[in-house]
PDB file of all heavy atoms in Angstrom:
ATOM      1  N   GLY A   1      38.333   2.026 -25.880  1.00  0.00           N
ATOM      2  CA  GLY A   1      37.395   2.844 -25.128  1.00  0.00           C
ATOM      3  C   GLY A   1      37.361   2.524 -23.650  1.00  0.00           C
ATOM      4  O   GLY A   1      37.353   3.403 -22.786  1.00  0.00           O
ATOM      5  N   MET A   2      37.463   1.195 -23.347  1.00  0.00           N
ATOM      6  CA  MET A   2      37.505   0.817 -21.928  1.00  0.00           C
ATOM      7  C   MET A   2      38.766   1.329 -21.290  1.00  0.00           C
ATOM      8  O   MET A   2      38.706   1.802 -20.139  1.00  0.00           O
ATOM      9  CB  MET A   2      37.466  -0.729 -21.866  1.00  0.00           C
ATOM     10  CG  MET A   2      36.177  -1.380 -22.311  1.00  0.00           C
ATOM     11  SD  MET A   2      36.298  -3.179 -22.236  1.00  0.00           S
ATOM     12  CE  MET A   2      34.810  -3.602 -23.198  1.00  0.00           C
ATOM     13  N   VAL A   3      39.894   1.173 -21.964  1.00  0.00           N
ATOM     14  CA  VAL A   3      41.133   1.649 -21.381  1.00  0.00           C
ATOM     15  C   VAL A   3      41.136   3.140 -21.121  1.00  0.00           C
ATOM     16  O   VAL A   3      41.567   3.638 -20.072  1.00  0.00           O
ATOM     17  CB  VAL A   3      42.305   1.272 -22.358  1.00  0.00           C
ATOM     18  CG1 VAL A   3      43.646   1.929 -21.825  1.00  0.00           C
ATOM     19  CG2 VAL A   3      42.501  -0.220 -22.402  1.00  0.00           C
ATOM     20  N   PHE A   4      40.611   3.920 -22.094  1.00  0.00           N
ATOM     21  CA  PHE A   4      40.565   5.393 -21.912  1.00  0.00           C
ATOM     22  C   PHE A   4      39.618   5.785 -20.806  1.00  0.00           C
ATOM     23  O   PHE A   4      39.885   6.703 -19.995  1.00  0.00           O
ATOM     24  CB  PHE A   4      40.147   6.028 -23.212  1.00  0.00           C
ATOM     25  CG  PHE A   4      41.299   6.359 -24.111  1.00  0.00           C
ATOM     26  CD1 PHE A   4      41.621   5.518 -25.193  1.00  0.00           C
ATOM     27  CD2 PHE A   4      42.010   7.525 -23.973  1.00  0.00           C
ATOM     28  CE1 PHE A   4      42.737   5.799 -26.023  1.00  0.00           C
ATOM     29  CE2 PHE A   4      43.112   7.838 -24.816  1.00  0.00           C
ATOM     30  CZ  PHE A   4      43.438   6.939 -25.795  1.00  0.00           C
ATOM     31  N   ALA A   5      38.479   5.073 -20.670  1.00  0.00           N
ATOM     32  CA  ALA A   5      37.508   5.364 -19.621  1.00  0.00           C
ATOM     33  C   ALA A   5      38.175   5.058 -18.243  1.00  0.00           C
ATOM     34  O   ALA A   5      38.036   5.869 -17.321  1.00  0.00           O
ATOM     35  CB  ALA A   5      36.260   4.507 -19.797  1.00  0.00           C
ATOM     36  N   LEU A   6      38.912   3.928 -18.158  1.00  0.00           N
ATOM     37  CA  LEU A   6      39.524   3.608 -16.883  1.00  0.00           C
ATOM     38  C   LEU A   6      40.675   4.585 -16.589  1.00  0.00           C
ATOM     39  O   LEU A   6      40.824   5.030 -15.435  1.00  0.00           O
ATOM     40  CB  LEU A   6      40.112   2.186 -16.978  1.00  0.00           C
ATOM     41  CG  LEU A   6      40.828   1.652 -15.705  1.00  0.00           C
ATOM     42  CD1 LEU A   6      39.850   1.667 -14.530  1.00  0.00           C
ATOM     43  CD2 LEU A   6      41.380   0.258 -15.963  1.00  0.00           C
ATOM     44  N   ALA A   7      41.432   4.966 -17.641  1.00  0.00           N
ATOM     45  CA  ALA A   7      42.536   5.916 -17.416  1.00  0.00           C
ATOM     46  C   ALA A   7      42.016   7.244 -16.930  1.00  0.00           C
ATOM     47  O   ALA A   7      42.592   7.887 -16.059  1.00  0.00           O
ATOM     48  CB  ALA A   7      43.334   6.046 -18.721  1.00  0.00           C
ATOM     49  N   GLY A   8      40.905   7.726 -17.534  1.00  0.00           N
ATOM     50  CA  GLY A   8      40.364   9.001 -17.140  1.00  0.00           C
ATOM     51  C   GLY A   8      39.847   8.961 -15.701  1.00  0.00           C
ATOM     52  O   GLY A   8      40.047   9.906 -14.940  1.00  0.00           O
ATOM     53  N   LEU A   9      39.240   7.836 -15.342  1.00  0.00           N
ATOM     54  CA  LEU A   9      38.764   7.658 -13.929  1.00  0.00           C
ATOM     55  C   LEU A   9      39.943   7.676 -12.967  1.00  0.00           C
ATOM     56  O   LEU A   9      39.930   8.366 -11.933  1.00  0.00           O
ATOM     57  CB  LEU A   9      37.960   6.372 -13.798  1.00  0.00           C
ATOM     58  CG  LEU A   9      37.465   6.043 -12.379  1.00  0.00           C
ATOM     59  CD1 LEU A   9      36.492   7.161 -11.902  1.00  0.00           C
ATOM     60  CD2 LEU A   9      36.743   4.702 -12.433  1.00  0.00           C
ATOM     61  N   VAL A  10      41.019   6.933 -13.258  1.00  0.00           N
ATOM     62  CA  VAL A  10      42.157   6.872 -12.396  1.00  0.00           C
ATOM     63  C   VAL A  10      42.832   8.232 -12.252  1.00  0.00           C
ATOM     64  O   VAL A  10      43.255   8.628 -11.202  1.00  0.00           O
ATOM     65  CB  VAL A  10      43.193   5.802 -12.943  1.00  0.00           C
ATOM     66  CG1 VAL A  10      44.473   5.863 -12.168  1.00  0.00           C
ATOM     67  CG2 VAL A  10      42.567   4.391 -12.835  1.00  0.00           C
ATOM     68  N   ALA A  11      42.951   8.949 -13.451  1.00  0.00           N
ATOM     69  CA  ALA A  11      43.549  10.253 -13.392  1.00  0.00           C
ATOM     70  C   ALA A  11      42.766  11.235 -12.508  1.00  0.00           C
ATOM     71  O   ALA A  11      43.362  12.003 -11.735  1.00  0.00           O
ATOM     72  CB  ALA A  11      43.647  10.841 -14.809  1.00  0.00           C
ATOM     73  N   TYR A  12      41.459  11.175 -12.576  1.00  0.00           N
ATOM     74  CA  TYR A  12      40.603  12.028 -11.741  1.00  0.00           C
ATOM     75  C   TYR A  12      40.794  11.699 -10.294  1.00  0.00           C
ATOM     76  O   TYR A  12      40.839  12.603  -9.408  1.00  0.00           O
ATOM     77  CB  TYR A  12      39.171  11.954 -12.133  1.00  0.00           C
ATOM     78  CG  TYR A  12      38.292  13.020 -11.553  1.00  0.00           C
ATOM     79  CD1 TYR A  12      38.082  14.218 -12.219  1.00  0.00           C
ATOM     80  CD2 TYR A  12      37.687  12.857 -10.310  1.00  0.00           C
ATOM     81  CE1 TYR A  12      37.277  15.224 -11.684  1.00  0.00           C
ATOM     82  CE2 TYR A  12      36.891  13.857  -9.733  1.00  0.00           C
ATOM     83  CZ  TYR A  12      36.694  15.011 -10.450  1.00  0.00           C
ATOM     84  OH  TYR A  12      35.888  16.005  -9.866  1.00  0.00           O
ATOM     85  N   ILE A  13      40.905  10.388  -9.982  1.00  0.00           N
ATOM     86  CA  ILE A  13      41.066   9.984  -8.576  1.00  0.00           C
ATOM     87  C   ILE A  13      42.390  10.442  -8.050  1.00  0.00           C
ATOM     88  O   ILE A  13      42.539  10.966  -6.917  1.00  0.00           O
ATOM     89  CB  ILE A  13      40.965   8.434  -8.452  1.00  0.00           C
ATOM     90  CG1 ILE A  13      39.556   8.001  -8.752  1.00  0.00           C
ATOM     91  CG2 ILE A  13      41.373   7.976  -7.057  1.00  0.00           C
ATOM     92  CD1 ILE A  13      39.391   6.486  -8.772  1.00  0.00           C
ATOM     93  N   VAL A  14      43.461  10.321  -8.864  1.00  0.00           N
ATOM     94  CA  VAL A  14      44.826  10.741  -8.436  1.00  0.00           C
ATOM     95  C   VAL A  14      44.893  12.206  -8.148  1.00  0.00           C
ATOM     96  O   VAL A  14      45.465  12.666  -7.167  1.00  0.00           O
ATOM     97  CB  VAL A  14      45.824  10.340  -9.520  1.00  0.00           C
ATOM     98  CG1 VAL A  14      47.201  10.941  -9.202  1.00  0.00           C
ATOM     99  CG2 VAL A  14      45.960   8.793  -9.631  1.00  0.00           C
ATOM    100  N   TYR A  15      44.203  13.013  -9.018  1.00  0.00           N
ATOM    101  CA  TYR A  15      44.267  14.474  -8.856  1.00  0.00           C
ATOM    102  C   TYR A  15      42.976  15.013  -8.237  1.00  0.00           C
ATOM    103  O   TYR A  15      42.722  16.203  -8.349  1.00  0.00           O
ATOM    104  CB  TYR A  15      44.517  15.114 -10.222  1.00  0.00           C
ATOM    105  CG  TYR A  15      45.815  14.798 -10.844  1.00  0.00           C
ATOM    106  CD1 TYR A  15      45.936  13.843 -11.835  1.00  0.00           C
ATOM    107  CD2 TYR A  15      46.979  15.431 -10.407  1.00  0.00           C
ATOM    108  CE1 TYR A  15      47.149  13.519 -12.391  1.00  0.00           C
ATOM    109  CE2 TYR A  15      48.231  15.136 -10.957  1.00  0.00           C
ATOM    110  CZ  TYR A  15      48.298  14.181 -11.921  1.00  0.00           C
ATOM    111  OH  TYR A  15      49.556  13.857 -12.469  1.00  0.00           O
ATOM    112  N   PHE A  16      42.243  14.139  -7.538  1.00  0.00           N
ATOM    113  CA  PHE A  16      40.987  14.580  -6.956  1.00  0.00           C
ATOM    114  C   PHE A  16      41.145  15.724  -5.948  1.00  0.00           C
ATOM    115  O   PHE A  16      40.379  16.675  -5.931  1.00  0.00           O
ATOM    116  CB  PHE A  16      40.309  13.433  -6.273  1.00  0.00           C
ATOM    117  CG  PHE A  16      38.988  13.808  -5.577  1.00  0.00           C
ATOM    118  CD1 PHE A  16      37.866  14.033  -6.366  1.00  0.00           C
ATOM    119  CD2 PHE A  16      38.931  13.962  -4.187  1.00  0.00           C
ATOM    120  CE1 PHE A  16      36.661  14.377  -5.738  1.00  0.00           C
ATOM    121  CE2 PHE A  16      37.702  14.351  -3.575  1.00  0.00           C
ATOM    122  CZ  PHE A  16      36.595  14.570  -4.353  1.00  0.00           C
ATOM    123  N   GLY A  17      42.198  15.638  -5.135  1.00  0.00           N
ATOM    124  CA  GLY A  17      42.435  16.709  -4.159  1.00  0.00           C
ATOM    125  C   GLY A  17      42.624  18.071  -4.839  1.00  0.00           C
ATOM    126  O   GLY A  17      42.047  19.062  -4.454  1.00  0.00           O
ATOM    127  N   ASP A  18      43.518  18.103  -5.859  1.00  0.00           N
ATOM    128  CA  ASP A  18      43.779  19.392  -6.544  1.00  0.00           C
ATOM    129  C   ASP A  18      42.538  19.869  -7.277  1.00  0.00           C
ATOM    130  O   ASP A  18      42.248  21.055  -7.228  1.00  0.00           O
ATOM    131  CB  ASP A  18      44.945  19.157  -7.575  1.00  0.00           C
ATOM    132  CG  ASP A  18      46.254  18.824  -6.855  1.00  0.00           C
ATOM    133  OD1 ASP A  18      46.383  19.188  -5.686  1.00  0.00           O
ATOM    134  OD2 ASP A  18      47.079  18.166  -7.507  1.00  0.00           O
ATOM    135  N   ILE A  19      41.800  18.934  -7.929  1.00  0.00           N
ATOM    136  CA  ILE A  19      40.600  19.368  -8.633  1.00  0.00           C
ATOM    137  C   ILE A  19      39.588  19.918  -7.657  1.00  0.00           C
ATOM    138  O   ILE A  19      38.950  20.953  -7.918  1.00  0.00           O
ATOM    139  CB  ILE A  19      40.054  18.176  -9.420  1.00  0.00           C
ATOM    140  CG1 ILE A  19      41.026  17.716 -10.524  1.00  0.00           C
ATOM    141  CG2 ILE A  19      38.669  18.560 -10.047  1.00  0.00           C
ATOM    142  CD1 ILE A  19      40.618  16.456 -11.230  1.00  0.00           C
ATOM    143  N   SER A  20      39.396  19.216  -6.559  1.00  0.00           N
ATOM    144  CA  SER A  20      38.428  19.683  -5.502  1.00  0.00           C
ATOM    145  C   SER A  20      38.785  21.029  -5.002  1.00  0.00           C
ATOM    146  O   SER A  20      37.913  21.901  -4.874  1.00  0.00           O
ATOM    147  CB  SER A  20      38.393  18.652  -4.400  1.00  0.00           C
ATOM    148  OG  SER A  20      37.448  19.085  -3.391  1.00  0.00           O
ATOM    149  N   ASN A  21      40.080  21.288  -4.757  1.00  0.00           N
ATOM    150  CA  ASN A  21      40.509  22.600  -4.286  1.00  0.00           C
ATOM    151  C   ASN A  21      40.303  23.686  -5.319  1.00  0.00           C
ATOM    152  O   ASN A  21      39.898  24.782  -4.995  1.00  0.00           O
ATOM    153  CB  ASN A  21      41.979  22.554  -3.875  1.00  0.00           C
ATOM    154  CG  ASN A  21      42.213  21.706  -2.626  1.00  0.00           C
ATOM    155  OD1 ASN A  21      41.334  21.514  -1.816  1.00  0.00           O
ATOM    156  ND2 ASN A  21      43.391  21.102  -2.516  1.00  0.00           N
ATOM    157  N   ASN A  22      40.553  23.375  -6.592  1.00  0.00           N
ATOM    158  CA  ASN A  22      40.380  24.356  -7.663  1.00  0.00           C
ATOM    159  C   ASN A  22      38.905  24.700  -7.879  1.00  0.00           C
ATOM    160  O   ASN A  22      38.569  25.857  -8.161  1.00  0.00           O
ATOM    161  CB  ASN A  22      40.964  23.827  -9.018  1.00  0.00           C
ATOM    162  CG  ASN A  22      42.454  23.746  -8.960  1.00  0.00           C
ATOM    163  OD1 ASN A  22      43.142  24.525  -8.220  1.00  0.00           O
ATOM    164  ND2 ASN A  22      43.058  22.848  -9.711  1.00  0.00           N
ATOM    165  N   ILE A  23      38.039  23.713  -7.693  1.00  0.00           N
ATOM    166  CA  ILE A  23      36.641  23.934  -7.925  1.00  0.00           C
ATOM    167  C   ILE A  23      36.057  24.684  -6.728  1.00  0.00           C
ATOM    168  O   ILE A  23      35.250  25.621  -6.864  1.00  0.00           O
ATOM    169  CB  ILE A  23      35.830  22.621  -8.065  1.00  0.00           C
ATOM    170  CG1 ILE A  23      36.255  21.991  -9.393  1.00  0.00           C
ATOM    171  CG2 ILE A  23      34.335  22.860  -8.057  1.00  0.00           C
ATOM    172  CD1 ILE A  23      35.596  20.595  -9.645  1.00  0.00           C
ATOM    173  N   SER A  24      36.456  24.332  -5.495  1.00  0.00           N
ATOM    174  CA  SER A  24      35.768  24.819  -4.328  1.00  0.00           C
ATOM    175  C   SER A  24      36.506  25.919  -3.591  1.00  0.00           C
ATOM    176  O   SER A  24      35.932  26.615  -2.768  1.00  0.00           O
ATOM    177  CB  SER A  24      35.528  23.621  -3.339  1.00  0.00           C
ATOM    178  OG  SER A  24      36.773  23.077  -2.931  1.00  0.00           O
ATOM    179  N   GLY A  25      37.849  26.038  -3.781  1.00  0.00           N
ATOM    180  CA  GLY A  25      38.566  26.947  -2.941  1.00  0.00           C
ATOM    181  C   GLY A  25      38.758  26.355  -1.528  1.00  0.00           C
ATOM    182  O   GLY A  25      38.737  25.163  -1.321  1.00  0.00           O
ATOM    183  N   ASP A  26      38.974  27.179  -0.573  1.00  0.00           N
ATOM    184  CA  ASP A  26      39.290  26.697   0.770  1.00  0.00           C
ATOM    185  C   ASP A  26      38.069  26.289   1.568  1.00  0.00           C
ATOM    186  O   ASP A  26      38.115  25.293   2.299  1.00  0.00           O
ATOM    187  CB  ASP A  26      40.052  27.790   1.554  1.00  0.00           C
ATOM    188  CG  ASP A  26      41.446  28.083   0.916  1.00  0.00           C
ATOM    189  OD1 ASP A  26      41.985  27.127   0.282  1.00  0.00           O
ATOM    190  OD2 ASP A  26      41.917  29.216   1.050  1.00  0.00           O
TER     191      ASP A  26
END
């Protein structure tokens, strides 16, 4: 559970820019 939680957090950080753009647009 700890590994998956950390992996999910790292994945979100790595793709934060793309996720932010998809949520918010320009």
